[in-house]
Amino acid sequence: MAYTSPIWLPGGHTQTIWSALYAQCRFMKALPLVRERWLSPDGDFLDVDRQSASTPSRPLLVLFHGLEGSSRSHYAQAFADWAAQHDLNFLVPHFRGCSGEINTAPRAYHSGDHQEIDWLLKKIRKEHHTAGGNKVVAVGVSLGGNALMCWAAEQGSFANKQAEAIASICSPLDLFSSGQAIGKGFNRLVYTRMFLQTMKPKASAKWAQYPGLFDLDAMMAARDLDEFDGVFTAPVHGYKNTMDYWTKASAKPLMRQIQLPALALNAINDPFVPASSLPTKKDVSADVELWQTKQGGHVGFTQGNWPGHIGALPSKVGQWLIDAAGINQKERGKVHG
């Protein structure tokens, strides 16, 4: 992917923040999302937002959001817009607790949640096949992309039974490096504070459901994601501590095991993901393609005149998924706009 930031939007921080707050979808063809509630195998629920194409049999694009993201995130809106433009079915499963209502099970979600992605994609594939469709592609953004890559690696040769191609966008594939980076300097003052402002109330609500599940006082005192993950995310999801979680949930060490077409897109100037932590060709299988742009920030990639638009990201990644999945011209349907 070739990307050059507008001259009026220099630097990884500005590209990250501006795109999330002010950039616009280019075509604005996205349709209203319809919410469905799915029951999970452990008796919990997940909320899934769906945008339907002209027919149920059209190819399906699944988007897994990032940390504290949702179908309302700027990147999800941009992909919804792109899917509508290309007449693809579009689905956003919300990780537990991210749809606006706290889930009922003790667990929440985490960066290595490949088991959750596995049952979701199996259910999605089955329902799409029943509706007459036969092509599913998936994209994961940030945390969702790391979990998606973990899923592909864990599934190996079985992954292509659920999806034809996958992509990760600005994902922290080495969680230790990214966790350290977001806990320092400007990142700590801005991004860490932003995440903890929503993560702590959710964790508190989880403790209210299950008193004693974790050390509530220590969680409320957490000053960064290292401390928060050590008190809440790791123990609640079966990890010994932060280091155990960050090590075992990182996709990078597993990416040689991926056996379906996969794209990993990262920006070198991403404030969350140090360039030195990004995978190289020797770290991944022959089925993984690496796009590493000099600019873009964290899920930024704004283009055009002020205030800019974020249509280039889903356009480039979406086209790659279409080509990698072998979706032919008849399956693509009419392209609008």
C-alpha atoms as a PDB file:
ATOM      1  CA  MET A   1       0.000   0.000   0.000  1.00  0.00           C
ATOM      2  CA  ALA A   2       1.404   3.370  -1.000  1.00  0.00           C
ATOM      3  CA  TYR A   3       0.366   6.142   1.379  1.00  0.00           C
ATOM      4  CA  THR A   4       1.506   9.724   1.792  1.00  0.00           C
ATOM      5  CA  SER A   5      -0.038  11.868   4.489  1.00  0.00           C
ATOM      6  CA  PRO A   6      -1.423  15.285   3.503  1.00  0.00           C
ATOM      7  CA  ILE A   7       1.094  18.066   4.069  1.00  0.00           C
ATOM      8  CA  TRP A   8      -1.277  19.634   6.612  1.00  0.00           C
ATOM      9  CA  LEU A   9      -1.257  16.456   8.730  1.00  0.00           C
ATOM     10  CA  PRO A  10       2.325  15.653   9.778  1.00  0.00           C
ATOM     11  CA  GLY A  11       3.433  13.079  12.326  1.00  0.00           C
ATOM     12  CA  GLY A  12       2.061   9.864  13.762  1.00  0.00           C
ATOM     13  CA  HIS A  13       0.158  11.464  16.645  1.00  0.00           C
ATOM     14  CA  THR A  14      -1.701  13.979  14.484  1.00  0.00           C
ATOM     15  CA  GLN A  15      -2.475  11.323  11.872  1.00  0.00           C
ATOM     16  CA  THR A  16      -3.864   9.068  14.605  1.00  0.00           C
ATOM     17  CA  ILE A  17      -5.946  11.637  16.468  1.00  0.00           C
ATOM     18  CA  TRP A  18      -7.268  13.592  13.486  1.00  0.00           C
ATOM     19  CA  SER A  19      -8.433  10.490  11.638  1.00  0.00           C
ATOM     20  CA  ALA A  20     -10.304   9.213  14.682  1.00  0.00           C
ATOM     21  CA  LEU A  21     -12.004  12.511  15.513  1.00  0.00           C
ATOM     22  CA  TYR A  22     -12.436  14.569  12.376  1.00  0.00           C
ATOM     23  CA  ALA A  23     -11.773  12.756   9.088  1.00  0.00           C
ATOM     24  CA  GLN A  24     -14.803  11.629   7.115  1.00  0.00           C
ATOM     25  CA  CYS A  25     -15.863   8.636   5.073  1.00  0.00           C
ATOM     26  CA  ARG A  26     -15.368   9.501   1.429  1.00  0.00           C
ATOM     27  CA  PHE A  27     -18.607   8.303  -0.124  1.00  0.00           C
ATOM     28  CA  MET A  28     -20.946   8.095   2.901  1.00  0.00           C
ATOM     29  CA  LYS A  29     -22.989   5.260   1.387  1.00  0.00           C
ATOM     30  CA  ALA A  30     -23.104   3.156   4.536  1.00  0.00           C
ATOM     31  CA  LEU A  31     -26.578   1.925   5.450  1.00  0.00           C
ATOM     32  CA  PRO A  32     -28.090   1.714   8.941  1.00  0.00           C
ATOM     33  CA  LEU A  33     -26.674  -1.198  10.911  1.00  0.00           C
ATOM     34  CA  VAL A  34     -29.127  -3.733  12.311  1.00  0.00           C
ATOM     35  CA  ARG A  35     -28.231  -5.175  15.722  1.00  0.00           C
ATOM     36  CA  GLU A  36     -28.534  -8.864  16.550  1.00  0.00           C
ATOM     37  CA  ARG A  37     -27.816 -10.572  19.861  1.00  0.00           C
ATOM     38  CA  TRP A  38     -26.001 -13.884  19.655  1.00  0.00           C
ATOM     39  CA  LEU A  39     -25.761 -16.331  22.546  1.00  0.00           C
ATOM     40  CA  SER A  40     -22.262 -17.669  23.134  1.00  0.00           C
ATOM     41  CA  PRO A  41     -21.405 -21.296  23.976  1.00  0.00           C
ATOM     42  CA  ASP A  42     -20.762 -20.333  27.612  1.00  0.00           C
ATOM     43  CA  GLY A  43     -24.232 -18.806  28.038  1.00  0.00           C
ATOM     44  CA  ASP A  44     -23.160 -15.193  27.571  1.00  0.00           C
ATOM     45  CA  PHE A  45     -24.121 -12.872  24.709  1.00  0.00           C
ATOM     46  CA  LEU A  46     -22.426 -10.803  22.015  1.00  0.00           C
ATOM     47  CA  ASP A  47     -24.043  -8.004  20.036  1.00  0.00           C
ATOM     48  CA  VAL A  48     -23.453  -8.081  16.298  1.00  0.00           C
ATOM     49  CA  ASP A  49     -24.204  -5.210  13.907  1.00  0.00           C
ATOM     50  CA  ARG A  50     -25.101  -6.130  10.349  1.00  0.00           C
ATOM     51  CA  GLN A  51     -25.309  -4.170   7.093  1.00  0.00           C
ATOM     52  CA  SER A  52     -27.012  -6.172   4.372  1.00  0.00           C
ATOM     53  CA  ALA A  53     -26.081  -6.164   0.703  1.00  0.00           C
ATOM     54  CA  SER A  54     -28.576  -6.439  -2.151  1.00  0.00           C
ATOM     55  CA  THR A  55     -28.755 -10.213  -1.616  1.00  0.00           C
ATOM     56  CA  PRO A  56     -27.706 -12.480   1.276  1.00  0.00           C
ATOM     57  CA  SER A  57     -25.484 -14.481  -1.080  1.00  0.00           C
ATOM     58  CA  ARG A  58     -23.152 -11.566  -1.789  1.00  0.00           C
ATOM     59  CA  PRO A  59     -19.664 -11.984  -0.247  1.00  0.00           C
ATOM     60  CA  LEU A  60     -19.417 -11.101   3.440  1.00  0.00           C
ATOM     61  CA  LEU A  61     -16.851  -8.820   5.096  1.00  0.00           C
ATOM     62  CA  VAL A  62     -16.415  -9.310   8.858  1.00  0.00           C
ATOM     63  CA  LEU A  63     -14.685  -6.621  10.935  1.00  0.00           C
ATOM     64  CA  PHE A  64     -13.199  -7.250  14.389  1.00  0.00           C
ATOM     65  CA  HIS A  65     -12.734  -3.928  16.182  1.00  0.00           C
ATOM     66  CA  GLY A  66      -9.882  -2.718  18.351  1.00  0.00           C
ATOM     67  CA  LEU A  67      -9.464  -2.041  22.076  1.00  0.00           C
ATOM     68  CA  GLU A  68     -12.628  -0.324  23.341  1.00  0.00           C
ATOM     69  CA  GLY A  69     -13.837   0.002  19.749  1.00  0.00           C
ATOM     70  CA  SER A  70     -17.243  -0.739  18.245  1.00  0.00           C
ATOM     71  CA  SER A  71     -19.242  -0.436  15.043  1.00  0.00           C
ATOM     72  CA  ARG A  72     -19.219   3.322  15.704  1.00  0.00           C
ATOM     73  CA  SER A  73     -15.421   3.573  15.459  1.00  0.00           C
ATOM     74  CA  HIS A  74     -14.192   5.662  12.534  1.00  0.00           C
ATOM     75  CA  TYR A  75     -12.555   2.701  10.806  1.00  0.00           C
ATOM     76  CA  ALA A  76     -15.690   0.563  11.184  1.00  0.00           C
ATOM     77  CA  GLN A  77     -17.779   3.323   9.610  1.00  0.00           C
ATOM     78  CA  ALA A  78     -15.263   3.617   6.779  1.00  0.00           C
ATOM     79  CA  PHE A  79     -15.378  -0.134   6.074  1.00  0.00           C
ATOM     80  CA  ALA A  80     -19.174  -0.108   6.281  1.00  0.00           C
ATOM     81  CA  ASP A  81     -19.152   2.662   3.694  1.00  0.00           C
ATOM     82  CA  TRP A  82     -16.792   0.706   1.443  1.00  0.00           C
ATOM     83  CA  ALA A  83     -18.871  -2.470   1.802  1.00  0.00           C
ATOM     84  CA  ALA A  84     -22.033  -0.595   0.795  1.00  0.00           C
ATOM     85  CA  GLN A  85     -20.232   0.934  -2.171  1.00  0.00           C
ATOM     86  CA  HIS A  86     -19.210  -2.535  -3.357  1.00  0.00           C
ATOM     87  CA  ASP A  87     -22.496  -4.224  -2.406  1.00  0.00           C
ATOM     88  CA  LEU A  88     -20.939  -6.606   0.118  1.00  0.00           C
ATOM     89  CA  ASN A  89     -22.586  -7.882   3.261  1.00  0.00           C
ATOM     90  CA  PHE A  90     -20.891  -6.397   6.330  1.00  0.00           C
ATOM     91  CA  LEU A  91     -20.789  -7.619   9.913  1.00  0.00           C
ATOM     92  CA  VAL A  92     -19.234  -6.213  13.101  1.00  0.00           C
ATOM     93  CA  PRO A  93     -19.226  -8.590  16.083  1.00  0.00           C
ATOM     94  CA  HIS A  94     -18.652  -6.644  19.290  1.00  0.00           C
ATOM     95  CA  PHE A  95     -16.221  -8.124  21.751  1.00  0.00           C
ATOM     96  CA  ARG A  96     -17.885  -8.687  25.103  1.00  0.00           C
ATOM     97  CA  GLY A  97     -18.816  -5.480  26.862  1.00  0.00           C
ATOM     98  CA  CYS A  98     -18.128  -3.241  23.836  1.00  0.00           C
ATOM     99  CA  SER A  99     -21.647  -2.851  22.440  1.00  0.00           C
ATOM    100  CA  GLY A 100     -22.857  -0.475  25.147  1.00  0.00           C
ATOM    101  CA  GLU A 101     -24.122  -3.155  27.533  1.00  0.00           C
ATOM    102  CA  ILE A 102     -21.975  -5.146  29.940  1.00  0.00           C
ATOM    103  CA  ASN A 103     -21.917  -8.876  29.251  1.00  0.00           C
ATOM    104  CA  THR A 104     -23.024 -11.419  31.853  1.00  0.00           C
ATOM    105  CA  ALA A 105     -20.091 -13.866  32.069  1.00  0.00           C
ATOM    106  CA  PRO A 106     -17.030 -13.245  34.280  1.00  0.00           C
ATOM    107  CA  ARG A 107     -14.777 -12.862  31.256  1.00  0.00           C
ATOM    108  CA  ALA A 108     -14.437  -9.788  29.031  1.00  0.00           C
ATOM    109  CA  TYR A 109     -12.122  -9.781  25.987  1.00  0.00           C
ATOM    110  CA  HIS A 110      -8.403  -9.615  25.293  1.00  0.00           C
ATOM    111  CA  SER A 111      -5.782  -9.351  22.544  1.00  0.00           C
ATOM    112  CA  GLY A 112      -5.317 -13.079  22.107  1.00  0.00           C
ATOM    113  CA  ASP A 113      -8.992 -14.034  22.108  1.00  0.00           C
ATOM    114  CA  HIS A 114      -8.719 -16.467  19.193  1.00  0.00           C
ATOM    115  CA  GLN A 115     -11.245 -18.884  20.719  1.00  0.00           C
ATOM    116  CA  GLU A 116     -13.902 -16.165  20.548  1.00  0.00           C
ATOM    117  CA  ILE A 117     -13.043 -15.427  16.939  1.00  0.00           C
ATOM    118  CA  ASP A 118     -13.144 -19.137  16.110  1.00  0.00           C
ATOM    119  CA  TRP A 119     -16.716 -19.706  17.271  1.00  0.00           C
ATOM    120  CA  LEU A 120     -17.828 -16.425  15.720  1.00  0.00           C
ATOM    121  CA  LEU A 121     -16.358 -17.242  12.303  1.00  0.00           C
ATOM    122  CA  LYS A 122     -17.762 -20.771  12.415  1.00  0.00           C
ATOM    123  CA  LYS A 123     -21.229 -19.396  13.166  1.00  0.00           C
ATOM    124  CA  ILE A 124     -20.854 -16.659  10.541  1.00  0.00           C
ATOM    125  CA  ARG A 125     -19.685 -19.125   7.872  1.00  0.00           C
ATOM    126  CA  LYS A 126     -22.550 -21.519   8.595  1.00  0.00           C
ATOM    127  CA  GLU A 127     -25.194 -18.783   8.458  1.00  0.00           C
ATOM    128  CA  HIS A 128     -23.692 -17.244   5.317  1.00  0.00           C
ATOM    129  CA  HIS A 129     -23.597 -20.634   3.603  1.00  0.00           C
ATOM    130  CA  THR A 130     -27.223 -21.263   4.573  1.00  0.00           C
ATOM    131  CA  ALA A 131     -28.133 -17.940   2.941  1.00  0.00           C
ATOM    132  CA  GLY A 132     -26.475 -19.057  -0.290  1.00  0.00           C
ATOM    133  CA  GLY A 133     -23.164 -17.253   0.156  1.00  0.00           C
ATOM    134  CA  ASN A 134     -19.777 -18.905  -0.139  1.00  0.00           C
ATOM    135  CA  LYS A 135     -17.138 -16.207   0.375  1.00  0.00           C
ATOM    136  CA  VAL A 136     -16.169 -14.700   3.748  1.00  0.00           C
ATOM    137  CA  VAL A 137     -13.266 -12.331   4.365  1.00  0.00           C
ATOM    138  CA  ALA A 138     -12.279 -10.797   7.682  1.00  0.00           C
ATOM    139  CA  VAL A 139     -10.350  -7.751   8.824  1.00  0.00           C
ATOM    140  CA  GLY A 140      -9.165  -7.036  12.353  1.00  0.00           C
ATOM    141  CA  VAL A 141      -8.150  -3.599  13.559  1.00  0.00           C
ATOM    142  CA  SER A 142      -5.493  -3.144  16.264  1.00  0.00           C
ATOM    143  CA  LEU A 143      -6.398  -5.597  19.084  1.00  0.00           C
ATOM    144  CA  GLY A 144      -8.893  -7.318  16.781  1.00  0.00           C
ATOM    145  CA  GLY A 145      -6.199  -7.837  14.175  1.00  0.00           C
ATOM    146  CA  ASN A 146      -3.794  -9.446  16.623  1.00  0.00           C
ATOM    147  CA  ALA A 147      -6.538 -11.800  17.807  1.00  0.00           C
ATOM    148  CA  LEU A 148      -7.461 -12.592  14.186  1.00  0.00           C
ATOM    149  CA  MET A 149      -3.849 -13.431  13.309  1.00  0.00           C
ATOM    150  CA  CYS A 150      -3.618 -15.595  16.447  1.00  0.00           C
ATOM    151  CA  TRP A 151      -6.743 -17.401  15.288  1.00  0.00           C
ATOM    152  CA  ALA A 152      -5.329 -18.040  11.813  1.00  0.00           C
ATOM    153  CA  ALA A 153      -2.073 -19.351  13.274  1.00  0.00           C
ATOM    154  CA  GLU A 154      -3.812 -21.581  15.812  1.00  0.00           C
ATOM    155  CA  GLN A 155      -6.146 -23.007  13.161  1.00  0.00           C
ATOM    156  CA  GLY A 156      -3.421 -23.646  10.596  1.00  0.00           C
ATOM    157  CA  SER A 157      -4.780 -25.513   7.566  1.00  0.00           C
ATOM    158  CA  PHE A 158      -8.320 -25.417   9.014  1.00  0.00           C
ATOM    159  CA  ALA A 159      -8.576 -21.607   8.917  1.00  0.00           C
ATOM    160  CA  ASN A 160      -9.582 -21.508   5.253  1.00  0.00           C
ATOM    161  CA  LYS A 161     -12.689 -23.506   6.094  1.00  0.00           C
ATOM    162  CA  GLN A 162     -14.049 -20.368   7.796  1.00  0.00           C
ATOM    163  CA  ALA A 163     -12.585 -17.516   5.713  1.00  0.00           C
ATOM    164  CA  GLU A 164     -10.986 -17.074   2.311  1.00  0.00           C
ATOM    165  CA  ALA A 165      -8.635 -14.253   3.382  1.00  0.00           C
ATOM    166  CA  ILE A 166      -7.897 -12.059   6.394  1.00  0.00           C
ATOM    167  CA  ALA A 167      -6.147  -8.771   7.155  1.00  0.00           C
ATOM    168  CA  SER A 168      -4.876  -6.991  10.248  1.00  0.00           C
ATOM    169  CA  ILE A 169      -4.581  -3.208  10.421  1.00  0.00           C
ATOM    170  CA  CYS A 170      -2.161  -1.433  12.782  1.00  0.00           C
ATOM    171  CA  SER A 171      -2.157  -4.416  15.108  1.00  0.00           C
ATOM    172  CA  PRO A 172       0.248  -4.723  18.063  1.00  0.00           C
ATOM    173  CA  LEU A 173       1.554  -8.123  16.976  1.00  0.00           C
ATOM    174  CA  ASP A 174       4.235  -7.941  19.689  1.00  0.00           C
ATOM    175  CA  LEU A 175       2.197  -7.014  22.761  1.00  0.00           C
ATOM    176  CA  PHE A 176       5.168  -6.487  25.042  1.00  0.00           C
ATOM    177  CA  SER A 177       6.722  -3.836  22.775  1.00  0.00           C
ATOM    178  CA  SER A 178       3.407  -2.068  22.238  1.00  0.00           C
ATOM    179  CA  GLY A 179       2.455  -2.287  25.911  1.00  0.00           C
ATOM    180  CA  GLN A 180       5.736  -0.667  26.877  1.00  0.00           C
ATOM    181  CA  ALA A 181       5.377   2.028  24.199  1.00  0.00           C
ATOM    182  CA  ILE A 182       1.877   3.107  25.168  1.00  0.00           C
ATOM    183  CA  GLY A 183       2.943   3.456  28.787  1.00  0.00           C
ATOM    184  CA  LYS A 184       5.533   6.170  28.142  1.00  0.00           C
ATOM    185  CA  GLY A 185       5.568   9.920  27.507  1.00  0.00           C
ATOM    186  CA  PHE A 186       2.810  11.442  25.391  1.00  0.00           C
ATOM    187  CA  ASN A 187       1.272   8.014  24.837  1.00  0.00           C
ATOM    188  CA  ARG A 188       0.818   7.585  28.583  1.00  0.00           C
ATOM    189  CA  LEU A 189      -0.638  11.058  29.038  1.00  0.00           C
ATOM    190  CA  VAL A 190      -3.134  10.812  26.190  1.00  0.00           C
ATOM    191  CA  TYR A 191      -3.859   7.314  24.899  1.00  0.00           C
ATOM    192  CA  THR A 192      -3.386   5.362  28.126  1.00  0.00           C
ATOM    193  CA  ARG A 193      -5.619   7.816  29.984  1.00  0.00           C
ATOM    194  CA  MET A 194      -8.237   7.597  27.229  1.00  0.00           C
ATOM    195  CA  PHE A 195      -8.361   3.801  27.326  1.00  0.00           C
ATOM    196  CA  LEU A 196      -8.445   3.567  31.125  1.00  0.00           C
ATOM    197  CA  GLN A 197     -11.326   6.046  31.292  1.00  0.00           C
ATOM    198  CA  THR A 198     -13.611   3.417  29.733  1.00  0.00           C
ATOM    199  CA  MET A 199     -11.843   0.221  30.769  1.00  0.00           C
ATOM    200  CA  LYS A 200     -11.925   0.904  34.512  1.00  0.00           C
ATOM    201  CA  PRO A 201     -15.704   1.477  34.716  1.00  0.00           C
ATOM    202  CA  LYS A 202     -16.300  -1.706  32.716  1.00  0.00           C
ATOM    203  CA  ALA A 203     -14.003  -3.672  35.023  1.00  0.00           C
ATOM    204  CA  SER A 204     -15.776  -2.180  38.039  1.00  0.00           C
ATOM    205  CA  ALA A 205     -19.111  -3.294  36.606  1.00  0.00           C
ATOM    206  CA  LYS A 206     -17.668  -6.766  36.122  1.00  0.00           C
ATOM    207  CA  TRP A 207     -16.535  -6.822  39.772  1.00  0.00           C
ATOM    208  CA  ALA A 208     -20.063  -5.783  40.816  1.00  0.00           C
ATOM    209  CA  GLN A 209     -21.395  -8.808  38.944  1.00  0.00           C
ATOM    210  CA  TYR A 210     -18.758 -11.091  40.467  1.00  0.00           C
ATOM    211  CA  PRO A 211     -17.444  -9.647  43.751  1.00  0.00           C
ATOM    212  CA  GLY A 212     -13.911 -10.809  44.479  1.00  0.00           C
ATOM    213  CA  LEU A 213     -13.160 -11.692  40.841  1.00  0.00           C
ATOM    214  CA  PHE A 214     -10.029  -9.534  41.060  1.00  0.00           C
ATOM    215  CA  ASP A 215      -8.444  -6.885  43.293  1.00  0.00           C
ATOM    216  CA  LEU A 216     -10.785  -3.939  42.765  1.00  0.00           C
ATOM    217  CA  ASP A 217      -8.655  -1.388  44.624  1.00  0.00           C
ATOM    218  CA  ALA A 218      -5.526  -2.336  42.662  1.00  0.00           C
ATOM    219  CA  MET A 219      -7.450  -2.097  39.390  1.00  0.00           C
ATOM    220  CA  MET A 220      -8.753   1.376  40.223  1.00  0.00           C
ATOM    221  CA  ALA A 221      -5.205   2.448  41.136  1.00  0.00           C
ATOM    222  CA  ALA A 222      -3.725   1.186  37.844  1.00  0.00           C
ATOM    223  CA  ARG A 223      -1.863   3.956  36.030  1.00  0.00           C
ATOM    224  CA  ASP A 224      -1.158   2.209  32.743  1.00  0.00           C
ATOM    225  CA  LEU A 225      -2.110  -0.867  30.710  1.00  0.00           C
ATOM    226  CA  ASP A 226       0.745  -2.865  32.237  1.00  0.00           C
ATOM    227  CA  GLU A 227      -0.779  -2.488  35.691  1.00  0.00           C
ATOM    228  CA  PHE A 228      -4.375  -2.850  34.463  1.00  0.00           C
ATOM    229  CA  ASP A 229      -3.629  -6.026  32.537  1.00  0.00           C
ATOM    230  CA  GLY A 230      -1.772  -7.451  35.509  1.00  0.00           C
ATOM    231  CA  VAL A 231      -4.716  -6.914  37.858  1.00  0.00           C
ATOM    232  CA  PHE A 232      -7.684  -7.512  35.534  1.00  0.00           C
ATOM    233  CA  THR A 233      -7.083  -8.772  31.995  1.00  0.00           C
ATOM    234  CA  ALA A 234      -4.500 -11.441  32.784  1.00  0.00           C
ATOM    235  CA  PRO A 235      -6.038 -13.153  35.839  1.00  0.00           C
ATOM    236  CA  VAL A 236      -9.628 -12.967  34.587  1.00  0.00           C
ATOM    237  CA  HIS A 237      -8.653 -14.666  31.315  1.00  0.00           C
ATOM    238  CA  GLY A 238      -6.378 -17.358  32.664  1.00  0.00           C
ATOM    239  CA  TYR A 239      -2.935 -15.759  32.446  1.00  0.00           C
ATOM    240  CA  LYS A 240      -0.488 -15.615  35.362  1.00  0.00           C
ATOM    241  CA  ASN A 241       0.421 -11.942  35.000  1.00  0.00           C
ATOM    242  CA  THR A 242       0.946  -9.191  32.442  1.00  0.00           C
ATOM    243  CA  MET A 243       4.122 -10.717  31.025  1.00  0.00           C
ATOM    244  CA  ASP A 244       2.479 -14.117  30.638  1.00  0.00           C
ATOM    245  CA  TYR A 245      -0.485 -12.474  28.864  1.00  0.00           C
ATOM    246  CA  TRP A 246       1.563 -10.253  26.584  1.00  0.00           C
ATOM    247  CA  THR A 247       3.849 -13.150  25.660  1.00  0.00           C
ATOM    248  CA  LYS A 248       1.245 -15.845  25.009  1.00  0.00           C
ATOM    249  CA  ALA A 249      -1.305 -13.552  23.327  1.00  0.00           C
ATOM    250  CA  SER A 250       1.100 -12.005  20.788  1.00  0.00           C
ATOM    251  CA  ALA A 251       0.523 -13.068  17.179  1.00  0.00           C
ATOM    252  CA  LYS A 252       4.023 -12.333  15.852  1.00  0.00           C
ATOM    253  CA  PRO A 253       5.705 -15.512  17.160  1.00  0.00           C
ATOM    254  CA  LEU A 254       2.909 -17.600  15.603  1.00  0.00           C
ATOM    255  CA  MET A 255       2.665 -16.060  12.141  1.00  0.00           C
ATOM    256  CA  ARG A 256       4.815 -18.713  10.470  1.00  0.00           C
ATOM    257  CA  GLN A 257       1.898 -21.096  11.092  1.00  0.00           C
ATOM    258  CA  ILE A 258      -0.631 -19.123   9.013  1.00  0.00           C
ATOM    259  CA  GLN A 259      -1.905 -21.069   6.005  1.00  0.00           C
ATOM    260  CA  LEU A 260      -4.464 -18.800   4.345  1.00  0.00           C
ATOM    261  CA  PRO A 261      -3.991 -15.493   2.498  1.00  0.00           C
ATOM    262  CA  ALA A 262      -3.257 -12.883   5.172  1.00  0.00           C
ATOM    263  CA  LEU A 263      -2.256  -9.230   5.059  1.00  0.00           C
ATOM    264  CA  ALA A 264      -0.596  -7.344   7.921  1.00  0.00           C
ATOM    265  CA  LEU A 265      -0.684  -3.564   7.447  1.00  0.00           C
ATOM    266  CA  ASN A 266       1.269  -1.341   9.845  1.00  0.00           C
ATOM    267  CA  ALA A 267       2.513   2.241   9.744  1.00  0.00           C
ATOM    268  CA  ILE A 268       6.134   2.819  10.750  1.00  0.00           C
ATOM    269  CA  ASN A 269       5.132   5.974  12.656  1.00  0.00           C
ATOM    270  CA  ASP A 270       2.336   4.297  14.650  1.00  0.00           C
ATOM    271  CA  PRO A 271       2.632   5.709  18.204  1.00  0.00           C
ATOM    272  CA  PHE A 272       1.348   2.442  19.688  1.00  0.00           C
ATOM    273  CA  VAL A 273       3.402  -0.047  17.681  1.00  0.00           C
ATOM    274  CA  PRO A 274       7.200   0.462  17.578  1.00  0.00           C
ATOM    275  CA  ALA A 275       8.662  -0.082  14.125  1.00  0.00           C
ATOM    276  CA  SER A 276      11.309  -2.350  15.637  1.00  0.00           C
ATOM    277  CA  SER A 277       8.583  -4.750  16.782  1.00  0.00           C
ATOM    278  CA  LEU A 278       7.011  -5.271  13.360  1.00  0.00           C
ATOM    279  CA  PRO A 279       7.314  -8.687  11.712  1.00  0.00           C
ATOM    280  CA  THR A 280       9.700  -9.203   8.807  1.00  0.00           C
ATOM    281  CA  LYS A 281       9.438 -11.789   6.044  1.00  0.00           C
ATOM    282  CA  LYS A 282      11.403 -14.290   8.121  1.00  0.00           C
ATOM    283  CA  ASP A 283       8.807 -14.021  10.904  1.00  0.00           C
ATOM    284  CA  VAL A 284       5.820 -15.004   8.758  1.00  0.00           C
ATOM    285  CA  SER A 285       4.734 -17.771   6.411  1.00  0.00           C
ATOM    286  CA  ALA A 286       4.654 -17.441   2.646  1.00  0.00           C
ATOM    287  CA  ASP A 287       0.888 -16.834   2.884  1.00  0.00           C
ATOM    288  CA  VAL A 288       1.362 -13.575   4.802  1.00  0.00           C
ATOM    289  CA  GLU A 289       1.900 -10.306   2.956  1.00  0.00           C
ATOM    290  CA  LEU A 290       3.399  -7.360   4.853  1.00  0.00           C
ATOM    291  CA  TRP A 291       2.500  -3.741   4.083  1.00  0.00           C
ATOM    292  CA  GLN A 292       4.537  -1.327   6.165  1.00  0.00           C
ATOM    293  CA  THR A 293       4.043   2.330   5.256  1.00  0.00           C
ATOM    294  CA  LYS A 294       6.196   5.195   6.481  1.00  0.00           C
ATOM    295  CA  GLN A 295       3.170   7.231   7.533  1.00  0.00           C
ATOM    296  CA  GLY A 296      -0.378   6.618   8.674  1.00  0.00           C
ATOM    297  CA  GLY A 297      -0.256   6.687  12.459  1.00  0.00           C
ATOM    298  CA  HIS A 298      -2.481   4.270  14.358  1.00  0.00           C
ATOM    299  CA  VAL A 299      -5.425   3.466  12.083  1.00  0.00           C
ATOM    300  CA  GLY A 300      -5.094   6.900  10.509  1.00  0.00           C
ATOM    301  CA  PHE A 301      -4.364   7.122   6.781  1.00  0.00           C
ATOM    302  CA  THR A 302      -6.326  10.330   6.192  1.00  0.00           C
ATOM    303  CA  GLN A 303      -6.140  11.641   2.618  1.00  0.00           C
ATOM    304  CA  GLY A 304      -7.268  14.667   0.633  1.00  0.00           C
ATOM    305  CA  ASN A 305      -7.839  18.322   1.364  1.00  0.00           C
ATOM    306  CA  TRP A 306      -8.851  19.471   4.839  1.00  0.00           C
ATOM    307  CA  PRO A 307     -10.674  17.972   6.730  1.00  0.00           C
ATOM    308  CA  GLY A 308      -9.657  14.879   4.787  1.00  0.00           C
ATOM    309  CA  HIS A 309     -11.281  11.499   4.323  1.00  0.00           C
ATOM    310  CA  ILE A 310     -10.465   7.945   5.393  1.00  0.00           C
ATOM    311  CA  GLY A 311     -11.692   6.167   2.290  1.00  0.00           C
ATOM    312  CA  ALA A 312      -8.248   5.002   1.170  1.00  0.00           C
ATOM    313  CA  LEU A 313      -7.758   2.512   4.008  1.00  0.00           C
ATOM    314  CA  PRO A 314     -10.816   0.304   3.378  1.00  0.00           C
ATOM    315  CA  SER A 315     -10.380   0.740  -0.370  1.00  0.00           C
ATOM    316  CA  LYS A 316      -6.838  -0.636  -0.405  1.00  0.00           C
ATOM    317  CA  VAL A 317      -7.349  -3.354   2.191  1.00  0.00           C
ATOM    318  CA  GLY A 318     -10.781  -4.287   0.860  1.00  0.00           C
ATOM    319  CA  GLN A 319      -9.466  -4.678  -2.669  1.00  0.00           C
ATOM    320  CA  TRP A 320      -6.635  -6.861  -1.398  1.00  0.00           C
ATOM    321  CA  LEU A 321      -9.150  -9.091   0.388  1.00  0.00           C
ATOM    322  CA  ILE A 322     -11.318  -9.353  -2.729  1.00  0.00           C
ATOM    323  CA  ASP A 323      -8.342 -10.349  -4.869  1.00  0.00           C
ATOM    324  CA  ALA A 324      -6.862 -12.728  -2.283  1.00  0.00           C
ATOM    325  CA  ALA A 325     -10.227 -14.428  -1.766  1.00  0.00           C
ATOM    326  CA  GLY A 326     -10.644 -14.947  -5.502  1.00  0.00           C
ATOM    327  CA  ILE A 327     -13.957 -13.092  -5.598  1.00  0.00           C
ATOM    328  CA  ASN A 328     -14.725 -12.891  -9.302  1.00  0.00           C
ATOM    329  CA  GLN A 329     -16.387 -10.092 -11.219  1.00  0.00           C
ATOM    330  CA  LYS A 330     -19.831 -11.679 -11.003  1.00  0.00           C
ATOM    331  CA  GLU A 331     -19.498 -12.041  -7.237  1.00  0.00           C
ATOM    332  CA  ARG A 332     -18.312  -8.447  -6.881  1.00  0.00           C
ATOM    333  CA  GLY A 333     -21.534  -7.041  -8.303  1.00  0.00           C
ATOM    334  CA  LYS A 334     -21.980  -3.431  -9.282  1.00  0.00           C
ATOM    335  CA  VAL A 335     -19.554  -0.889  -7.844  1.00  0.00           C
ATOM    336  CA  HIS A 336     -21.295   2.353  -6.973  1.00  0.00           C
ATOM    337  CA  GLY A 337     -19.976   5.915  -6.762  1.00  0.00           C
END
